[in-house]
Protein backbone atom coordinates (compact mmCIF):
# COMPACT_ATOMS: atom_id res chain seq x y z
CA MET A 1 136.73 75.82 96.52
CA VAL A 2 133.93 73.41 96.95
CA ILE A 3 132.71 72.29 100.32
CA PRO A 4 130.79 69.19 100.30
CA TRP A 5 127.61 68.93 102.40
CA VAL A 6 128.30 66.64 105.19
CA SER A 7 126.06 68.18 107.94
CA ASP A 8 125.00 71.64 109.23
CA ALA A 9 128.75 72.21 110.03
CA SER A 10 129.36 72.58 106.23
CA LEU A 11 127.25 75.76 106.22
CA SER A 12 129.14 77.32 109.09
CA GLN A 13 132.43 76.48 107.31
CA LEU A 14 131.21 78.42 104.19
CA ILE A 15 130.08 81.31 106.27
CA ASP A 16 133.44 81.39 108.03
CA VAL A 17 135.27 81.25 104.53
CA THR A 18 132.90 84.06 103.03
CA PHE A 19 133.05 86.29 106.22
CA PRO A 20 136.36 85.63 107.84
CA ASN A 21 136.89 87.38 111.16
CA LEU A 22 133.55 88.80 111.01
CA VAL A 23 133.39 90.10 114.55
CA GLU A 24 136.74 92.00 114.13
CA ASN A 25 135.65 93.48 110.76
CA ALA A 26 131.99 94.23 111.35
CA ARG A 27 132.48 97.92 111.45
CA ASN A 28 134.51 97.94 108.14
CA ARG A 29 132.36 99.19 105.33
CA ASP A 30 134.57 97.85 102.51
CA TYR A 31 134.72 94.38 104.23
CA VAL A 32 130.72 94.26 104.55
CA VAL A 33 129.94 95.48 100.99
CA ASN A 34 132.32 93.13 99.34
CA ARG A 35 131.01 89.96 100.77
CA ALA A 36 127.75 87.98 100.27
CA LEU A 37 126.19 84.64 100.28
CA ILE A 38 124.19 83.65 97.07
CA THR A 39 121.41 81.09 97.01
CA PRO A 40 118.44 80.42 94.79
CA LEU A 41 115.33 80.72 97.02
CA ASN A 42 114.09 83.38 99.49
CA GLU A 43 113.60 80.87 102.26
CA TYR A 44 117.42 80.08 102.18
CA VAL A 45 118.26 83.81 102.13
CA GLU A 46 116.34 84.36 105.38
CA LYS A 47 117.98 81.36 107.16
CA LEU A 48 121.39 82.54 106.02
CA ASP A 49 120.83 86.17 107.07
CA ASP A 50 119.63 84.91 110.49
CA ARG A 51 122.68 82.68 110.91
CA VAL A 52 125.27 85.43 109.95
CA LEU A 53 123.36 87.91 112.12
CA SER A 54 123.74 85.72 115.19
CA ILE A 55 127.51 85.82 114.77
CA PHE A 56 127.63 89.62 113.98
CA PRO A 57 128.52 91.54 117.06
CA GLY A 58 125.93 93.83 118.86
CA LYS A 59 122.58 93.64 120.55
CA GLU A 60 119.78 92.30 118.42
CA VAL A 61 116.73 94.49 117.93
CA ILE A 62 113.55 93.06 116.92
CA PHE A 63 110.71 95.03 115.00
CA TYR A 64 107.23 93.43 114.63
CA SER A 65 104.92 94.56 111.83
CA PHE A 66 101.27 95.44 111.99
CA ASP A 67 99.39 93.52 109.36
CA TYR A 68 95.76 94.32 108.27
CA VAL A 69 93.31 93.78 105.45
CA ASP A 70 91.55 96.80 103.91
CA ASP A 71 87.80 97.09 104.72
CA ASP A 72 88.00 94.19 107.14
CA THR A 73 85.42 95.83 109.42
CA HIS A 74 84.36 92.48 111.16
CA GLY A 75 87.83 91.43 111.94
CA LEU A 76 87.61 88.21 109.85
CA TYR A 77 91.26 87.87 109.33
CA LYS A 78 93.30 87.33 112.68
CA GLN A 79 96.71 88.83 113.30
CA GLU A 80 98.37 85.40 113.66
CA TYR A 81 97.19 84.33 110.10
CA LEU A 82 98.21 87.75 108.59
CA ASN A 83 101.66 87.60 110.22
CA ASN A 84 102.54 84.28 108.72
CA ILE A 85 102.00 85.61 105.04
CA ALA A 86 105.59 85.93 103.71
CA PRO A 87 105.76 87.00 100.10
CA GLY A 88 109.51 87.73 99.09
CA CYS A 89 108.48 91.18 97.96
CA LEU A 90 107.55 92.28 101.51
CA SER A 91 109.52 92.75 104.75
CA SER A 92 109.23 90.04 107.26
CA HIS A 93 106.62 90.30 110.03
CA ILE A 94 109.66 89.76 112.51
CA LEU A 95 112.65 91.94 111.51
CA LYS A 96 115.80 91.23 113.46
CA LEU A 97 118.49 93.89 113.02
CA LYS A 98 121.74 94.92 114.71
CA ILE A 99 123.70 98.28 114.48
CA GLY A 100 126.29 97.88 111.77
CA ALA A 101 124.43 95.28 109.89
CA PRO A 102 123.97 95.73 106.01
CA ILE A 103 120.49 96.03 104.78
CA MET A 104 118.74 96.43 101.45
CA LEU A 105 115.55 98.25 100.37
CA LEU A 106 112.64 96.07 99.07
CA PRO A 107 110.53 98.71 97.30
CA ASN A 108 111.78 101.84 95.56
CA VAL A 109 111.39 104.48 98.32
CA TYR A 110 112.88 107.64 96.88
CA ALA A 111 114.86 106.96 93.64
CA LYS A 112 115.79 110.61 93.24
CA ASN A 113 118.05 110.28 96.39
CA GLY A 114 119.36 106.81 95.60
CA LEU A 115 116.85 104.73 97.65
CA CYS A 116 116.20 102.20 95.13
CA ASN A 117 115.20 98.52 95.25
CA ASN A 118 118.22 96.04 94.72
CA ASP A 119 120.58 98.94 93.77
CA THR A 120 121.08 100.34 97.38
CA ARG A 121 122.71 98.70 100.22
CA LEU A 122 122.89 100.49 103.48
CA ILE A 123 124.45 100.05 107.06
CA ILE A 124 122.53 100.60 110.24
CA LYS A 125 123.97 103.54 112.25
CA GLU A 126 121.31 103.87 115.04
CA PHE A 127 117.74 102.94 116.02
CA LEU A 128 115.45 105.81 116.77
CA GLN A 129 112.06 105.95 118.11
CA ASN A 130 110.24 105.86 114.79
CA CYS A 131 112.92 105.28 112.15
CA ILE A 132 116.27 103.85 111.50
CA ASP A 133 119.41 105.96 110.81
CA ASP A 134 121.29 104.47 108.00
CA VAL A 135 124.28 105.36 105.62
CA ILE A 136 124.33 104.18 101.96
CA ILE A 137 127.44 102.05 101.15
CA SER A 138 126.84 101.27 97.51
CA GLY A 139 126.09 103.26 94.23
CA ASN A 140 126.19 106.92 93.31
CA TYR A 141 124.92 108.05 96.64
CA MET A 142 127.49 106.17 98.83
CA GLY A 143 128.16 107.97 102.09
CA THR A 144 124.65 109.65 102.22
CA ARG A 145 122.85 109.52 105.52
CA VAL A 146 119.23 108.61 105.36
CA PHE A 147 116.41 107.98 107.83
CA ILE A 148 113.98 104.94 106.94
CA HIS A 149 110.51 104.95 108.45
CA ARG A 150 107.86 102.19 108.67
CA MET A 151 105.53 102.26 105.77
CA PRO A 152 102.47 100.39 104.53
CA LEU A 153 103.66 97.78 102.06
CA GLU A 154 101.44 95.71 99.61
CA PRO A 155 102.46 92.49 97.85
CA SER A 156 102.95 92.40 94.15
CA GLU A 157 100.00 91.65 91.88
CA ASN A 158 101.34 88.18 91.02
CA LEU A 159 100.34 87.10 94.63
CA LYS A 160 96.71 86.67 94.01
CA LEU A 161 95.07 87.01 97.39
CA PRO A 162 91.20 87.33 97.81
CA TYR A 163 91.67 90.38 99.91
CA LYS A 164 93.76 93.65 100.00
CA PHE A 165 96.51 92.70 102.33
CA LYS A 166 98.99 95.44 103.83
CA ARG A 167 101.84 95.25 106.08
CA LYS A 168 103.22 98.19 108.10
CA GLN A 169 106.87 97.59 108.51
CA PHE A 170 110.37 99.13 107.68
CA PRO A 171 110.80 98.47 103.92
CA ILE A 172 114.25 96.63 104.39
CA CYS A 173 115.79 93.30 104.70
CA LEU A 174 119.20 92.04 105.81
CA CYS A 175 121.62 91.46 102.96
CA PHE A 176 124.34 89.15 104.09
CA ALA A 177 122.71 86.83 101.62
CA PHE A 178 121.00 87.46 98.16
CA THR A 179 118.91 85.24 95.84
CA VAL A 180 120.60 84.70 92.47
CA ASN A 181 117.95 87.07 90.81
CA LYS A 182 118.92 90.05 93.05
CA VAL A 183 122.63 89.64 92.59
CA GLN A 184 122.44 89.94 88.88
CA GLY A 185 124.49 93.07 87.77
CA ARG A 186 126.43 93.32 90.99
CA THR A 187 130.04 93.00 91.58
CA ILE A 188 130.79 91.39 94.91
CA GLU A 189 134.37 90.27 95.33
CA ASN A 190 133.91 87.56 97.81
CA THR A 191 130.93 85.29 97.51
CA GLY A 192 129.81 82.03 98.87
CA ILE A 193 127.38 80.06 96.66
CA VAL A 194 124.89 77.95 98.66
CA PHE A 195 123.13 75.11 96.75
CA ILE A 196 121.42 73.13 99.61
CA GLU A 197 119.32 71.18 97.00
CA HIS A 198 120.18 70.23 93.51
CA VAL A 199 119.63 73.17 91.15
CA PHE A 200 119.21 73.17 87.32
CA SER A 201 120.70 76.26 85.88
CA HIS A 202 120.12 77.40 82.29
CA GLY A 203 123.19 78.71 80.31
């Protein structure tokens, strides 16, 4: 089914088709793990995640990162500037979450126990003082309960910054939506594909 872009309401229609009766099914693991939106760019992923999260039932909890530059003894780099650095490989400075929402790890945290980037999807069970209580809902470790802590994260070497930037944040992101690259190799039964702009695809 193709939904022509008429206005912002077209996006709401696609979300309703991909996540029908979201409020009633929010606690159903099979429902959550078998649905996703796919789009080419990270900036669209964040907007889609925020939009679906606003519909998802529950109280929104916000976590802010602590950003810093190694060896910046004179405080040359202000927090406001560092907070706005948003490489796709790092968690956002502002992380909005709800209990029951699906999340994905950004780095490989502990591959031995299934905590791998892109391969592991989790559902948030509870917010604790210094960590998030989660359950793995995909892969070989499905059903395993894990606790994720804040950790210092660094951008990939491809992002050439003139300083050594670090962000202390939970190493996760919401995963109602994925980029095309991250969804490769996955099987997701119900998908909505979002092309807000014209996209050239090879093959």
